[in-house]
């Protein structure tokens, strides 16, 4: 496949159900990051002969991105409403088109934890959006589009 650039990646929000997703591409996205990590769990025992032992604990996958402040943009409004209403939103953060075999990324139901407006003097208004996995019927997954 070779290298990919950030502008080739895509953020989607599901406007359907989990079982029958309708993936709507969110093009009003600036820089985006997915910081997948895990807690450390201490599993040290005497068997380790004085060495500390660590195992992977709970995983987290916060997603952060910027959007141009555009109240007429349906995707912008969906994230804004999810934040103020406290409702979850399902997203897929993919390295390419979600309909193309081999594309992959995080699929998760998220809580919008931050919706911070930025007002730089010489630039467009923008919003910094922060998402975190939330309680849902389906856990987060690493989604690979099958061939």
C-alpha atoms as a PDB file:
ATOM      1  CA  UNK A   1       0.000   0.000   0.000  1.00  0.00           C
ATOM      2  CA  UNK A   2       2.848   2.408   0.729  1.00  0.00           C
ATOM      3  CA  UNK A   3       2.740   5.632   2.657  1.00  0.00           C
ATOM      4  CA  UNK A   4      -0.385   7.667   3.246  1.00  0.00           C
ATOM      5  CA  UNK A   5      -0.857  11.340   3.956  1.00  0.00           C
ATOM      6  CA  UNK A   6      -3.204  12.896   6.499  1.00  0.00           C
ATOM      7  CA  UNK A   7      -5.363  14.472   3.825  1.00  0.00           C
ATOM      8  CA  UNK A   8      -6.127  10.977   2.473  1.00  0.00           C
ATOM      9  CA  UNK A   9      -7.575   9.835   5.804  1.00  0.00           C
ATOM     10  CA  UNK A  10     -11.269  10.202   6.482  1.00  0.00           C
ATOM     11  CA  UNK A  11     -13.538  10.735   9.462  1.00  0.00           C
ATOM     12  CA  UNK A  12     -17.038   9.273   9.225  1.00  0.00           C
ATOM     13  CA  UNK A  13     -20.086   9.454  11.447  1.00  0.00           C
ATOM     14  CA  UNK A  14     -22.738   6.782  11.359  1.00  0.00           C
ATOM     15  CA  UNK A  15     -26.209   8.105  10.557  1.00  0.00           C
ATOM     16  CA  UNK A  16     -27.672   4.570  10.511  1.00  0.00           C
ATOM     17  CA  UNK A  17     -27.497   1.792  13.088  1.00  0.00           C
ATOM     18  CA  UNK A  18     -24.518  -0.240  14.233  1.00  0.00           C
ATOM     19  CA  UNK A  19     -25.742  -3.322  12.349  1.00  0.00           C
ATOM     20  CA  UNK A  20     -26.599  -1.325   9.208  1.00  0.00           C
ATOM     21  CA  UNK A  21     -24.260   1.668   9.228  1.00  0.00           C
ATOM     22  CA  UNK A  22     -24.699   4.604   6.893  1.00  0.00           C
ATOM     23  CA  UNK A  23     -21.284   6.233   6.852  1.00  0.00           C
ATOM     24  CA  UNK A  24     -21.353   9.972   6.259  1.00  0.00           C
ATOM     25  CA  UNK A  25     -17.913  11.440   5.510  1.00  0.00           C
ATOM     26  CA  UNK A  26     -17.066  14.487   7.633  1.00  0.00           C
ATOM     27  CA  UNK A  27     -14.955  16.691   5.334  1.00  0.00           C
ATOM     28  CA  UNK A  28     -14.818  19.731   7.663  1.00  0.00           C
ATOM     29  CA  UNK A  29     -11.851  18.295   9.579  1.00  0.00           C
ATOM     30  CA  UNK A  30      -8.457  19.866  10.122  1.00  0.00           C
ATOM     31  CA  UNK A  31      -5.696  17.993  11.937  1.00  0.00           C
ATOM     32  CA  UNK A  32      -6.943  14.826  13.644  1.00  0.00           C
ATOM     33  CA  UNK A  33      -5.255  12.519  16.126  1.00  0.00           C
ATOM     34  CA  UNK A  34      -6.153   9.127  17.585  1.00  0.00           C
ATOM     35  CA  UNK A  35      -4.088   8.483  20.699  1.00  0.00           C
ATOM     36  CA  UNK A  36      -4.619   4.774  21.290  1.00  0.00           C
ATOM     37  CA  UNK A  37      -2.946   3.606  24.468  1.00  0.00           C
ATOM     38  CA  UNK A  38      -3.326   1.277  27.417  1.00  0.00           C
ATOM     39  CA  UNK A  39      -3.010   1.525  31.174  1.00  0.00           C
ATOM     40  CA  UNK A  40      -0.266  -0.410  32.878  1.00  0.00           C
ATOM     41  CA  UNK A  41      -1.238  -3.125  35.348  1.00  0.00           C
ATOM     42  CA  UNK A  42       1.344  -4.315  37.859  1.00  0.00           C
ATOM     43  CA  UNK A  43       1.555  -8.116  37.729  1.00  0.00           C
ATOM     44  CA  UNK A  44       4.767  -8.444  39.731  1.00  0.00           C
ATOM     45  CA  UNK A  45       5.241 -11.604  41.775  1.00  0.00           C
ATOM     46  CA  UNK A  46       8.092 -13.309  43.548  1.00  0.00           C
ATOM     47  CA  UNK A  47       8.454 -15.448  40.415  1.00  0.00           C
ATOM     48  CA  UNK A  48       9.958 -12.400  38.665  1.00  0.00           C
ATOM     49  CA  UNK A  49      13.061 -12.614  40.907  1.00  0.00           C
ATOM     50  CA  UNK A  50      12.967  -8.968  41.953  1.00  0.00           C
ATOM     51  CA  UNK A  51      11.927  -7.576  38.580  1.00  0.00           C
ATOM     52  CA  UNK A  52       8.755  -5.622  38.136  1.00  0.00           C
ATOM     53  CA  UNK A  53       6.277  -7.183  35.678  1.00  0.00           C
ATOM     54  CA  UNK A  54       3.712  -5.183  33.728  1.00  0.00           C
ATOM     55  CA  UNK A  55       0.683  -6.205  31.677  1.00  0.00           C
ATOM     56  CA  UNK A  56      -1.549  -4.228  29.398  1.00  0.00           C
ATOM     57  CA  UNK A  57      -4.594  -2.890  31.227  1.00  0.00           C
ATOM     58  CA  UNK A  58      -7.610  -0.992  29.960  1.00  0.00           C
ATOM     59  CA  UNK A  59      -7.248   0.616  26.541  1.00  0.00           C
ATOM     60  CA  UNK A  60      -8.300   4.155  25.663  1.00  0.00           C
ATOM     61  CA  UNK A  61      -8.683   5.792  22.272  1.00  0.00           C
ATOM     62  CA  UNK A  62      -9.365   9.513  22.499  1.00  0.00           C
ATOM     63  CA  UNK A  63      -9.895  11.274  19.177  1.00  0.00           C
ATOM     64  CA  UNK A  64      -9.211  14.987  18.780  1.00  0.00           C
ATOM     65  CA  UNK A  65      -9.703  17.165  15.729  1.00  0.00           C
ATOM     66  CA  UNK A  66     -10.465  20.676  14.604  1.00  0.00           C
ATOM     67  CA  UNK A  67     -13.340  21.945  12.483  1.00  0.00           C
ATOM     68  CA  UNK A  68     -14.087  25.288  10.904  1.00  0.00           C
ATOM     69  CA  UNK A  69     -16.908  26.925  12.884  1.00  0.00           C
ATOM     70  CA  UNK A  70     -19.812  26.485  10.453  1.00  0.00           C
ATOM     71  CA  UNK A  71     -23.271  26.303  12.017  1.00  0.00           C
ATOM     72  CA  UNK A  72     -24.801  25.399   8.620  1.00  0.00           C
ATOM     73  CA  UNK A  73     -22.623  22.267   8.348  1.00  0.00           C
ATOM     74  CA  UNK A  74     -24.713  19.223   9.335  1.00  0.00           C
ATOM     75  CA  UNK A  75     -21.653  17.358  10.675  1.00  0.00           C
ATOM     76  CA  UNK A  76     -20.624  20.358  12.777  1.00  0.00           C
ATOM     77  CA  UNK A  77     -24.166  20.512  14.181  1.00  0.00           C
ATOM     78  CA  UNK A  78     -24.169  16.765  14.912  1.00  0.00           C
ATOM     79  CA  UNK A  79     -21.011  17.032  17.060  1.00  0.00           C
ATOM     80  CA  UNK A  80     -22.249  20.244  18.713  1.00  0.00           C
ATOM     81  CA  UNK A  81     -25.630  18.676  19.529  1.00  0.00           C
ATOM     82  CA  UNK A  82     -23.988  15.483  20.830  1.00  0.00           C
ATOM     83  CA  UNK A  83     -21.850  17.598  23.160  1.00  0.00           C
ATOM     84  CA  UNK A  84     -24.628  19.798  24.547  1.00  0.00           C
ATOM     85  CA  UNK A  85     -27.213  16.994  24.711  1.00  0.00           C
ATOM     86  CA  UNK A  86     -24.773  14.454  26.183  1.00  0.00           C
ATOM     87  CA  UNK A  87     -25.650  11.889  23.511  1.00  0.00           C
ATOM     88  CA  UNK A  88     -23.204   9.418  21.952  1.00  0.00           C
ATOM     89  CA  UNK A  89     -22.090   9.557  18.341  1.00  0.00           C
ATOM     90  CA  UNK A  90     -20.600   6.652  16.400  1.00  0.00           C
ATOM     91  CA  UNK A  91     -17.552   7.403  14.277  1.00  0.00           C
ATOM     92  CA  UNK A  92     -15.009   5.624  12.128  1.00  0.00           C
ATOM     93  CA  UNK A  93     -11.558   7.177  11.863  1.00  0.00           C
ATOM     94  CA  UNK A  94     -10.188   5.554   8.719  1.00  0.00           C
ATOM     95  CA  UNK A  95      -6.922   5.734   6.774  1.00  0.00           C
ATOM     96  CA  UNK A  96      -8.913   5.925   3.524  1.00  0.00           C
ATOM     97  CA  UNK A  97     -12.343   5.435   1.999  1.00  0.00           C
ATOM     98  CA  UNK A  98     -14.525   3.195   4.190  1.00  0.00           C
ATOM     99  CA  UNK A  99     -15.903   1.486   1.075  1.00  0.00           C
ATOM    100  CA  UNK A 100     -12.460   0.421  -0.216  1.00  0.00           C
ATOM    101  CA  UNK A 101     -11.094  -2.995   0.756  1.00  0.00           C
ATOM    102  CA  UNK A 102      -8.072  -2.761   3.020  1.00  0.00           C
ATOM    103  CA  UNK A 103      -8.915   0.636   4.550  1.00  0.00           C
ATOM    104  CA  UNK A 104      -8.643   0.480   8.315  1.00  0.00           C
ATOM    105  CA  UNK A 105      -9.180   2.477  11.447  1.00  0.00           C
ATOM    106  CA  UNK A 106     -10.992   2.860  14.727  1.00  0.00           C
ATOM    107  CA  UNK A 107     -14.766   2.359  14.876  1.00  0.00           C
ATOM    108  CA  UNK A 108     -16.352   3.392  18.156  1.00  0.00           C
ATOM    109  CA  UNK A 109     -19.334   4.945  19.838  1.00  0.00           C
ATOM    110  CA  UNK A 110     -18.009   8.130  21.390  1.00  0.00           C
ATOM    111  CA  UNK A 111     -18.944  10.785  23.897  1.00  0.00           C
ATOM    112  CA  UNK A 112     -18.127  14.328  22.830  1.00  0.00           C
ATOM    113  CA  UNK A 113     -16.038  15.444  25.798  1.00  0.00           C
ATOM    114  CA  UNK A 114     -14.906  18.810  24.489  1.00  0.00           C
ATOM    115  CA  UNK A 115     -16.211  21.376  22.019  1.00  0.00           C
ATOM    116  CA  UNK A 116     -13.914  24.379  22.459  1.00  0.00           C
ATOM    117  CA  UNK A 117     -14.285  27.421  20.216  1.00  0.00           C
ATOM    118  CA  UNK A 118     -11.105  29.148  19.074  1.00  0.00           C
ATOM    119  CA  UNK A 119     -11.195  32.772  17.919  1.00  0.00           C
ATOM    120  CA  UNK A 120      -7.763  33.641  16.469  1.00  0.00           C
ATOM    121  CA  UNK A 121      -7.603  37.270  15.364  1.00  0.00           C
ATOM    122  CA  UNK A 122      -6.409  36.624  11.827  1.00  0.00           C
ATOM    123  CA  UNK A 123      -8.059  33.290  11.073  1.00  0.00           C
ATOM    124  CA  UNK A 124     -11.475  31.671  10.799  1.00  0.00           C
ATOM    125  CA  UNK A 125     -13.342  30.679  13.931  1.00  0.00           C
ATOM    126  CA  UNK A 126     -12.790  27.015  14.658  1.00  0.00           C
ATOM    127  CA  UNK A 127     -13.708  24.378  17.190  1.00  0.00           C
ATOM    128  CA  UNK A 128     -11.535  21.747  18.851  1.00  0.00           C
ATOM    129  CA  UNK A 129     -13.546  18.547  19.258  1.00  0.00           C
ATOM    130  CA  UNK A 130     -12.556  15.839  21.759  1.00  0.00           C
ATOM    131  CA  UNK A 131     -14.115  12.376  21.664  1.00  0.00           C
ATOM    132  CA  UNK A 132     -13.711   9.379  23.977  1.00  0.00           C
ATOM    133  CA  UNK A 133     -15.199   5.886  23.776  1.00  0.00           C
ATOM    134  CA  UNK A 134     -18.374   5.637  25.838  1.00  0.00           C
ATOM    135  CA  UNK A 135     -20.747   3.037  27.231  1.00  0.00           C
ATOM    136  CA  UNK A 136     -22.447   1.317  24.288  1.00  0.00           C
ATOM    137  CA  UNK A 137     -23.845  -2.007  23.130  1.00  0.00           C
ATOM    138  CA  UNK A 138     -20.806  -2.521  20.903  1.00  0.00           C
ATOM    139  CA  UNK A 139     -17.217  -2.000  22.095  1.00  0.00           C
ATOM    140  CA  UNK A 140     -14.649  -0.037  20.099  1.00  0.00           C
ATOM    141  CA  UNK A 141     -12.963  -2.076  17.393  1.00  0.00           C
ATOM    142  CA  UNK A 142     -10.153  -1.831  14.887  1.00  0.00           C
ATOM    143  CA  UNK A 143     -12.141  -2.018  11.664  1.00  0.00           C
ATOM    144  CA  UNK A 144     -10.579  -3.344   8.450  1.00  0.00           C
ATOM    145  CA  UNK A 145     -12.719  -3.176   5.311  1.00  0.00           C
ATOM    146  CA  UNK A 146     -12.876  -6.748   3.962  1.00  0.00           C
ATOM    147  CA  UNK A 147     -12.014  -7.625   0.371  1.00  0.00           C
END
